[in-house]
Each structure stands twice: as structure tokens, then as C-alpha cells.
Amino acid sequence: MIDSRCGLHCTGCEFKEPCNCGGCIETSGVPFHGECPVAGCCQKKGFGHCGECSEFPCKLLKDYSEDPEHGDNPPGKRIEQCRKWREES
């Protein structure tokens, strides 16, 4: 199930319930922490998720995925998820 633009699974997010966050798709790219540039870029291009883009994986997505403080564990996890979604469609 595609539940984000970047490949991060919102359904398991620890902030979803306490922050009353619907995720980037439900909130049109403005989840609990504010406007998300990854979601905004994806929406502007008309894609359901980043894996649909010809520039995938772009620098913006890589920077988000590999951010030392807020990135994926393991790094690149959301990129791999977008690859899976791309292959499934």
C-alpha cells in the first residue's frame, strides 16, 4: 500500500497518532512537521510517489533518506520502498 510520496511508511510512524498526522498524501504535502519538499516536488510533477519520477532517486530524496538525524534506519530504506512500488505498478 502506498502511504507516502517518499517511501516512508506512515502507518508505522510514531508521530502519526500523537501529532494527529495523516501523512503527506492525506495532508497534501504538509504533515505534522510542516511542508515537506519531497512530497511537494512529487505532487507538483503529478506522481503518486517518488519512484514514478524519471529522476528517481534524486538528490533531494537521497538527502532526506540519508540525513544523520532524521533519515532512514538503515539509510536508503525509503528509496528501496519506492523501487518496490515502481516495480509493482
N, C-alpha and C. Protein backbone atom coordinates (compact mmCIF):
# COMPACT_ATOMS: atom_id res chain seq x y z
N MET A 1 0.83 -1.17 0.00
CA MET A 1 0.00 0.00 0.00
C MET A 1 0.89 1.25 0.00
N ILE A 2 0.65 2.14 -0.91
CA ILE A 2 1.40 3.39 -0.98
C ILE A 2 0.80 4.35 0.04
N ASP A 3 1.59 4.71 1.06
CA ASP A 3 1.07 5.60 2.10
C ASP A 3 1.90 6.86 2.28
N SER A 4 2.85 7.09 1.37
CA SER A 4 3.64 8.33 1.39
C SER A 4 4.19 8.58 -0.01
N ARG A 5 4.71 9.76 -0.23
CA ARG A 5 5.32 10.08 -1.52
C ARG A 5 6.76 9.56 -1.59
N CYS A 6 7.46 9.58 -0.45
CA CYS A 6 8.90 9.29 -0.43
C CYS A 6 9.25 7.84 -0.13
N GLY A 7 8.27 7.02 0.27
CA GLY A 7 8.56 5.63 0.58
C GLY A 7 8.62 5.34 2.06
N LEU A 8 8.49 6.36 2.87
CA LEU A 8 8.46 6.19 4.32
C LEU A 8 7.08 5.66 4.68
N HIS A 9 7.00 4.61 5.48
CA HIS A 9 5.69 4.06 5.85
C HIS A 9 5.06 4.87 6.97
N CYS A 10 4.06 5.65 6.64
CA CYS A 10 3.36 6.47 7.63
C CYS A 10 2.55 5.63 8.60
N THR A 11 2.09 4.48 8.17
CA THR A 11 1.25 3.66 9.03
C THR A 11 1.97 3.23 10.30
N GLY A 12 3.28 3.12 10.28
CA GLY A 12 4.03 2.73 11.46
C GLY A 12 4.74 3.88 12.15
N CYS A 13 4.45 5.11 11.75
CA CYS A 13 5.15 6.28 12.28
C CYS A 13 4.73 6.56 13.73
N GLU A 14 5.72 6.82 14.57
CA GLU A 14 5.46 7.10 15.98
C GLU A 14 4.80 8.46 16.21
N PHE A 15 4.79 9.32 15.20
CA PHE A 15 4.19 10.65 15.32
C PHE A 15 2.75 10.71 14.80
N LYS A 16 2.32 9.67 14.10
CA LYS A 16 1.01 9.69 13.44
C LYS A 16 -0.13 9.98 14.42
N GLU A 17 -0.27 9.19 15.43
CA GLU A 17 -1.38 9.39 16.37
C GLU A 17 -1.17 10.56 17.32
N PRO A 18 -0.01 10.66 18.01
CA PRO A 18 0.14 11.76 18.97
C PRO A 18 0.09 13.15 18.33
N CYS A 19 0.51 13.26 17.08
CA CYS A 19 0.51 14.56 16.41
C CYS A 19 -0.69 14.73 15.49
N ASN A 20 -1.58 13.73 15.49
CA ASN A 20 -2.77 13.75 14.64
C ASN A 20 -2.38 14.02 13.18
N CYS A 21 -1.41 13.26 12.71
CA CYS A 21 -0.87 13.44 11.36
C CYS A 21 -1.46 12.39 10.42
N GLY A 22 -1.92 12.84 9.29
CA GLY A 22 -2.45 11.93 8.29
C GLY A 22 -1.41 11.50 7.27
N GLY A 23 -0.19 12.05 7.37
CA GLY A 23 0.85 11.74 6.39
C GLY A 23 0.81 12.71 5.22
N CYS A 24 1.78 12.63 4.36
CA CYS A 24 1.93 13.62 3.29
C CYS A 24 0.86 13.51 2.21
N ILE A 25 0.36 12.31 1.95
CA ILE A 25 -0.66 12.18 0.91
C ILE A 25 -1.97 12.79 1.41
N GLU A 26 -2.39 12.40 2.60
CA GLU A 26 -3.65 12.88 3.16
C GLU A 26 -3.64 14.39 3.42
N THR A 27 -2.46 14.93 3.76
CA THR A 27 -2.36 16.36 4.10
C THR A 27 -1.86 17.22 2.94
N SER A 28 -1.82 16.67 1.75
CA SER A 28 -1.35 17.39 0.55
C SER A 28 0.06 17.95 0.72
N GLY A 29 0.93 17.16 1.33
CA GLY A 29 2.34 17.53 1.45
C GLY A 29 2.69 18.38 2.65
N VAL A 30 1.74 18.51 3.60
CA VAL A 30 2.01 19.31 4.80
C VAL A 30 1.68 18.48 6.04
N PRO A 31 2.53 17.48 6.35
CA PRO A 31 2.29 16.67 7.54
C PRO A 31 2.55 17.47 8.82
N PHE A 32 2.50 16.82 9.95
CA PHE A 32 2.58 17.49 11.26
C PHE A 32 3.77 18.43 11.41
N HIS A 33 4.89 18.14 10.77
CA HIS A 33 6.11 18.95 10.95
C HIS A 33 6.21 20.12 9.98
N GLY A 34 5.21 20.28 9.12
CA GLY A 34 5.22 21.38 8.16
C GLY A 34 5.37 20.89 6.73
N GLU A 35 5.49 21.82 5.82
CA GLU A 35 5.57 21.47 4.40
C GLU A 35 6.78 20.57 4.12
N CYS A 36 6.53 19.50 3.38
CA CYS A 36 7.61 18.56 3.02
C CYS A 36 8.02 18.81 1.58
N PRO A 37 9.29 19.20 1.34
CA PRO A 37 9.72 19.47 -0.03
C PRO A 37 9.71 18.24 -0.93
N VAL A 38 9.92 17.06 -0.36
CA VAL A 38 9.88 15.83 -1.17
C VAL A 38 8.45 15.60 -1.66
N ALA A 39 7.49 15.67 -0.76
CA ALA A 39 6.09 15.48 -1.14
C ALA A 39 5.66 16.57 -2.12
N GLY A 40 6.07 17.80 -1.86
CA GLY A 40 5.71 18.91 -2.74
C GLY A 40 6.23 18.71 -4.15
N CYS A 41 7.45 18.27 -4.28
CA CYS A 41 8.05 18.03 -5.59
C CYS A 41 7.28 16.93 -6.33
N CYS A 42 7.01 15.87 -5.63
CA CYS A 42 6.31 14.73 -6.21
C CYS A 42 4.91 15.13 -6.67
N GLN A 43 4.20 15.85 -5.83
CA GLN A 43 2.85 16.30 -6.17
C GLN A 43 2.86 17.26 -7.36
N LYS A 44 3.83 18.17 -7.36
CA LYS A 44 3.94 19.16 -8.45
C LYS A 44 4.13 18.48 -9.80
N LYS A 45 4.85 17.35 -9.78
CA LYS A 45 5.10 16.60 -11.01
C LYS A 45 3.95 15.65 -11.34
N GLY A 46 2.98 15.52 -10.43
CA GLY A 46 1.82 14.68 -10.67
C GLY A 46 2.02 13.20 -10.40
N PHE A 47 3.00 12.88 -9.57
CA PHE A 47 3.29 11.47 -9.26
C PHE A 47 2.66 11.05 -7.94
N GLY A 48 2.35 9.77 -7.84
CA GLY A 48 1.84 9.22 -6.60
C GLY A 48 2.94 9.01 -5.58
N HIS A 49 4.14 8.69 -6.06
CA HIS A 49 5.31 8.51 -5.20
C HIS A 49 6.57 8.76 -6.03
N CYS A 50 7.67 8.96 -5.33
CA CYS A 50 8.93 9.34 -5.99
C CYS A 50 9.44 8.32 -7.00
N GLY A 51 9.11 7.06 -6.81
CA GLY A 51 9.58 6.01 -7.71
C GLY A 51 9.05 6.15 -9.13
N GLU A 52 8.02 6.96 -9.33
CA GLU A 52 7.46 7.17 -10.66
C GLU A 52 8.23 8.22 -11.47
N CYS A 53 9.12 8.93 -10.83
CA CYS A 53 9.84 10.03 -11.46
C CYS A 53 11.05 9.52 -12.27
N SER A 54 11.30 10.15 -13.41
CA SER A 54 12.45 9.76 -14.24
C SER A 54 13.79 10.12 -13.58
N GLU A 55 13.76 11.03 -12.60
CA GLU A 55 14.98 11.42 -11.89
C GLU A 55 15.22 10.60 -10.62
N PHE A 56 14.38 9.62 -10.36
CA PHE A 56 14.49 8.78 -9.17
C PHE A 56 15.73 7.91 -9.20
N PRO A 57 16.45 7.83 -8.09
CA PRO A 57 16.35 8.62 -6.87
C PRO A 57 17.14 9.92 -7.02
N CYS A 58 16.49 11.02 -6.78
CA CYS A 58 17.12 12.33 -6.93
C CYS A 58 17.90 12.73 -5.67
N LYS A 59 18.63 13.81 -5.78
CA LYS A 59 19.44 14.29 -4.65
C LYS A 59 18.56 14.65 -3.45
N LEU A 60 17.42 15.27 -3.69
CA LEU A 60 16.53 15.65 -2.59
C LEU A 60 16.08 14.42 -1.80
N LEU A 61 15.66 13.39 -2.49
CA LEU A 61 15.22 12.17 -1.81
C LEU A 61 16.39 11.48 -1.10
N LYS A 62 17.53 11.44 -1.74
CA LYS A 62 18.72 10.83 -1.11
C LYS A 62 19.11 11.59 0.15
N ASP A 63 19.09 12.92 0.07
CA ASP A 63 19.44 13.72 1.25
C ASP A 63 18.48 13.46 2.41
N TYR A 64 17.21 13.33 2.12
CA TYR A 64 16.23 13.03 3.18
C TYR A 64 16.46 11.64 3.74
N SER A 65 16.70 10.69 2.88
CA SER A 65 16.88 9.31 3.30
C SER A 65 18.15 9.11 4.12
N GLU A 66 19.19 9.85 3.79
CA GLU A 66 20.49 9.66 4.43
C GLU A 66 20.81 10.69 5.51
N ASP A 67 19.84 11.56 5.86
CA ASP A 67 20.07 12.57 6.88
C ASP A 67 20.47 11.90 8.19
N PRO A 68 21.60 12.32 8.80
CA PRO A 68 22.10 11.67 10.01
C PRO A 68 21.14 11.74 11.20
N GLU A 69 20.36 12.81 11.29
CA GLU A 69 19.47 12.96 12.44
C GLU A 69 18.06 12.41 12.19
N HIS A 70 17.50 12.67 11.02
CA HIS A 70 16.11 12.30 10.77
C HIS A 70 15.93 11.31 9.61
N GLY A 71 17.01 10.79 9.11
CA GLY A 71 16.94 9.90 7.95
C GLY A 71 16.53 8.48 8.30
N ASP A 72 16.63 7.63 7.32
CA ASP A 72 16.19 6.24 7.45
C ASP A 72 17.18 5.41 8.25
N ASN A 73 16.64 4.37 8.85
CA ASN A 73 17.46 3.39 9.52
C ASN A 73 17.00 2.02 9.05
N PRO A 74 17.73 1.40 8.15
CA PRO A 74 19.02 1.78 7.58
C PRO A 74 18.87 2.86 6.51
N PRO A 75 19.94 3.62 6.27
CA PRO A 75 19.90 4.65 5.23
C PRO A 75 19.46 4.05 3.89
N GLY A 76 18.59 4.76 3.21
CA GLY A 76 18.11 4.31 1.90
C GLY A 76 16.86 3.45 1.94
N LYS A 77 16.31 3.22 3.12
CA LYS A 77 15.14 2.35 3.25
C LYS A 77 13.95 2.86 2.43
N ARG A 78 13.68 4.17 2.48
CA ARG A 78 12.53 4.70 1.74
C ARG A 78 12.77 4.64 0.23
N ILE A 79 14.02 4.75 -0.20
CA ILE A 79 14.33 4.64 -1.62
C ILE A 79 14.03 3.23 -2.12
N GLU A 80 14.41 2.24 -1.33
CA GLU A 80 14.12 0.86 -1.69
C GLU A 80 12.63 0.61 -1.75
N GLN A 81 11.87 1.23 -0.84
CA GLN A 81 10.42 1.07 -0.85
C GLN A 81 9.82 1.66 -2.13
N CYS A 82 10.29 2.82 -2.54
CA CYS A 82 9.81 3.42 -3.79
C CYS A 82 10.15 2.54 -4.99
N ARG A 83 11.30 1.90 -4.95
CA ARG A 83 11.67 0.96 -6.03
C ARG A 83 10.68 -0.19 -6.09
N LYS A 84 10.30 -0.71 -4.94
CA LYS A 84 9.33 -1.81 -4.89
C LYS A 84 7.99 -1.36 -5.45
N TRP A 85 7.53 -0.17 -5.04
CA TRP A 85 6.26 0.33 -5.55
C TRP A 85 6.32 0.51 -7.06
N ARG A 86 7.46 1.00 -7.57
CA ARG A 86 7.62 1.20 -9.01
C ARG A 86 7.53 -0.14 -9.75
N GLU A 87 8.18 -1.16 -9.20
CA GLU A 87 8.17 -2.48 -9.83
C GLU A 87 6.79 -3.12 -9.80
N GLU A 88 6.00 -2.81 -8.76
CA GLU A 88 4.67 -3.40 -8.61
C GLU A 88 3.65 -2.76 -9.56
N SER A 89 3.95 -1.55 -10.04
CA SER A 89 2.95 -0.88 -10.90
C SER A 89 3.16 -1.15 -12.37
